[in-house]
Amino acid sequence: VESITTDARFPNGLAIEVREREPVGVIEANGRDLPVAGDGTLLPGISTAGLELPAIEATRVEGSATRVDDEALDQARILGAAPGPLRPLVDGASVDDRGAVLELSDGIVLVFGDGSEVVAKWAAAARILADRELGGLSYIDLRAPDRPAVGGASAPPGAL
């Protein structure tokens, strides 16, 4: 559970709203996959069977930990902010010298860097991925979301 809010309704009513933490990825810890929420909270009581969740790369998860940190937290935040239509396209998350990197099912790599400005970075990625004028993308660098860079882009067949 992420939060619970209540609202008393005069004279005898009470509205209760419960917000759950939804898994956005899985992390391998102690030989099993643990779901991770978008805020980095580990969700050990949730089964990952039947869920198509991308793997989150982590160097270490303590046995008693309730949250991931460092690079794994950035990856969880990025996955948690993914727009609904783009979420199923993410195959996995990892970290390299550029920071957090996501790989899409079609092979395009999204370079996010850190976990800041994730909404703006996803908006930039969505605009570029929706552009029918671009073809053959190999990566989108979103570290500066107001000036994203693309690699491997070519004009679609028949365009001059």
Protein backbone atom coordinates (compact mmCIF):
# COMPACT_ATOMS: atom_id res chain seq x y z
CA VAL A 1 0.00 0.00 0.00
CA GLU A 2 1.37 3.38 -0.99
CA SER A 3 -1.14 5.57 0.84
CA ILE A 4 -4.58 5.64 2.42
CA THR A 5 -6.74 8.76 2.55
CA THR A 6 -10.09 9.22 4.20
CA ASP A 7 -12.80 11.80 3.76
CA ALA A 8 -15.60 12.07 6.33
CA ARG A 9 -19.00 12.64 4.73
CA PHE A 10 -21.61 14.22 6.96
CA PRO A 11 -23.63 12.78 8.65
CA ASN A 12 -22.69 9.07 8.52
CA GLY A 13 -20.37 8.57 5.55
CA LEU A 14 -16.71 7.84 5.11
CA ALA A 15 -14.86 7.62 1.80
CA ILE A 16 -11.62 5.63 1.88
CA GLU A 17 -9.09 5.71 -0.95
CA VAL A 18 -6.29 3.16 -1.04
CA ARG A 19 -3.39 3.61 -3.46
CA GLU A 20 -1.38 0.48 -4.14
CA ARG A 21 2.22 0.27 -5.26
CA GLU A 22 2.24 -1.35 -8.69
CA PRO A 23 5.26 -3.40 -9.80
CA VAL A 24 7.16 -1.81 -12.70
CA GLY A 25 10.14 -4.17 -12.89
CA VAL A 26 11.83 -7.15 -11.29
CA ILE A 27 15.16 -7.44 -9.59
CA GLU A 28 17.02 -10.69 -8.97
CA ALA A 29 17.82 -11.09 -5.29
CA ASN A 30 18.91 -14.23 -3.45
CA GLY A 31 18.08 -16.41 -6.44
CA ARG A 32 14.53 -15.17 -7.00
CA ASP A 33 12.81 -12.36 -8.85
CA LEU A 34 11.39 -9.61 -6.64
CA PRO A 35 8.95 -7.07 -8.05
CA VAL A 36 9.93 -3.42 -7.61
CA ALA A 37 7.57 -0.42 -7.49
CA GLY A 38 8.27 2.88 -9.24
CA ASP A 39 9.47 4.43 -5.98
CA GLY A 40 12.04 1.65 -5.47
CA THR A 41 10.05 -0.30 -2.88
CA LEU A 42 10.55 -4.06 -3.06
CA LEU A 43 7.24 -5.96 -3.22
CA PRO A 44 8.15 -9.47 -2.01
CA GLY A 45 4.53 -10.54 -1.43
CA ILE A 46 3.52 -10.08 -5.06
CA SER A 47 3.89 -12.96 -7.51
CA THR A 48 5.66 -12.16 -10.78
CA ALA A 49 4.06 -15.17 -12.53
CA GLY A 50 2.32 -14.03 -15.69
CA LEU A 51 3.66 -10.46 -15.43
CA GLU A 52 5.76 -9.16 -18.30
CA LEU A 53 8.04 -6.92 -16.24
CA PRO A 54 11.45 -5.70 -17.39
CA ALA A 55 14.51 -6.68 -15.39
CA ILE A 56 16.22 -4.00 -13.33
CA GLU A 57 19.98 -4.28 -12.99
CA ALA A 58 21.27 -4.04 -9.45
CA THR A 59 24.70 -4.78 -8.10
CA ARG A 60 23.46 -5.78 -4.65
CA VAL A 61 20.24 -6.16 -2.70
CA GLU A 62 20.51 -6.74 1.04
CA GLY A 63 18.44 -9.62 2.44
CA SER A 64 16.49 -7.32 4.78
CA ALA A 65 16.20 -4.38 2.41
CA THR A 66 12.76 -2.95 1.66
CA ARG A 67 13.91 -0.56 -1.08
CA VAL A 68 16.50 -0.47 -3.81
CA ASP A 69 18.93 2.43 -3.98
CA ASP A 70 21.47 4.11 -6.22
CA GLU A 71 21.28 3.07 -9.88
CA ALA A 72 18.49 0.53 -9.28
CA LEU A 73 16.36 3.31 -7.76
CA ASP A 74 16.91 5.47 -10.86
CA GLN A 75 15.82 2.55 -13.07
CA ALA A 76 12.69 1.97 -10.94
CA ARG A 77 11.76 5.68 -11.08
CA ILE A 78 12.21 5.73 -14.84
CA LEU A 79 10.09 2.59 -15.33
CA GLY A 80 7.46 3.92 -12.93
CA ALA A 81 7.09 7.11 -14.97
CA ALA A 82 6.78 5.29 -18.31
CA PRO A 83 3.59 6.19 -20.18
CA GLY A 84 1.11 3.30 -20.32
CA PRO A 85 1.42 2.67 -24.08
CA LEU A 86 5.25 2.56 -23.91
CA ARG A 87 5.55 0.36 -20.80
CA PRO A 88 5.04 -2.98 -22.62
CA LEU A 89 7.78 -2.05 -25.11
CA VAL A 90 10.52 -1.99 -22.45
CA ASP A 91 12.54 -5.21 -22.34
CA GLY A 92 15.01 -4.31 -19.64
CA ALA A 93 16.92 -1.65 -17.75
CA SER A 94 20.62 -1.46 -17.00
CA VAL A 95 23.36 0.98 -16.11
CA ASP A 96 26.45 1.89 -18.09
CA ASP A 97 28.82 4.86 -18.24
CA ARG A 98 25.93 7.03 -19.51
CA GLY A 99 23.70 6.19 -16.53
CA ALA A 100 20.35 4.38 -16.68
CA VAL A 101 19.61 2.80 -20.05
CA LEU A 102 16.42 1.05 -21.19
CA GLU A 103 16.20 -1.32 -24.14
CA LEU A 104 12.97 -1.49 -26.11
CA SER A 105 11.67 -4.68 -27.71
CA ASP A 106 12.60 -3.40 -31.19
CA GLY A 107 16.24 -2.87 -30.13
CA ILE A 108 16.12 0.90 -29.66
CA VAL A 109 18.06 2.02 -26.58
CA LEU A 110 16.78 4.91 -24.46
CA VAL A 111 19.56 6.67 -22.54
CA PHE A 112 18.05 8.37 -19.48
CA GLY A 113 21.18 9.13 -17.49
CA ASP A 114 19.87 9.68 -13.97
CA GLY A 115 16.36 9.50 -12.52
CA SER A 116 15.68 13.23 -12.78
CA GLU A 117 13.13 14.86 -15.12
CA VAL A 118 11.69 11.45 -16.01
CA VAL A 119 8.34 12.83 -17.19
CA ALA A 120 10.06 15.25 -19.59
CA LYS A 121 12.43 12.51 -20.78
CA TRP A 122 9.54 10.11 -21.49
CA ALA A 123 7.64 12.89 -23.32
CA ALA A 124 10.69 13.49 -25.54
CA ALA A 125 11.05 9.75 -26.18
CA ALA A 126 7.37 9.43 -27.08
CA ARG A 127 7.58 12.34 -29.56
CA ILE A 128 10.60 10.82 -31.29
CA LEU A 129 9.22 7.27 -31.35
CA ALA A 130 5.95 8.58 -32.85
CA ASP A 131 7.75 10.46 -35.65
CA ARG A 132 7.02 8.51 -38.82
CA GLU A 133 9.72 10.46 -40.66
CA LEU A 134 12.47 8.73 -38.69
CA GLY A 135 13.49 5.17 -39.41
CA GLY A 136 16.27 2.87 -38.29
CA LEU A 137 16.82 4.43 -34.87
CA SER A 138 19.41 2.71 -32.74
CA TYR A 139 19.26 4.98 -29.68
CA ILE A 140 17.66 8.09 -28.21
CA ASP A 141 19.74 10.06 -25.73
CA LEU A 142 17.34 11.75 -23.30
CA ARG A 143 19.82 13.11 -20.76
CA ALA A 144 18.91 16.64 -21.93
CA PRO A 145 15.15 16.20 -22.53
CA ASP A 146 14.76 19.58 -24.21
CA ARG A 147 17.45 18.55 -26.74
CA PRO A 148 17.26 14.77 -27.21
CA ALA A 149 19.75 13.19 -29.59
CA VAL A 150 19.09 10.24 -31.87
CA GLY A 151 21.50 7.77 -33.41
CA GLY A 152 21.17 5.64 -36.50
CA ALA A 153 18.14 7.55 -37.77
CA SER A 154 17.48 7.44 -41.47
CA ALA A 155 14.75 8.72 -43.72
CA PRO A 156 11.94 6.26 -44.43
CA PRO A 157 12.07 4.40 -47.76
CA GLY A 158 11.07 6.61 -50.66
CA ALA A 159 11.88 9.89 -48.92
CA LEU A 160 14.54 12.19 -50.30
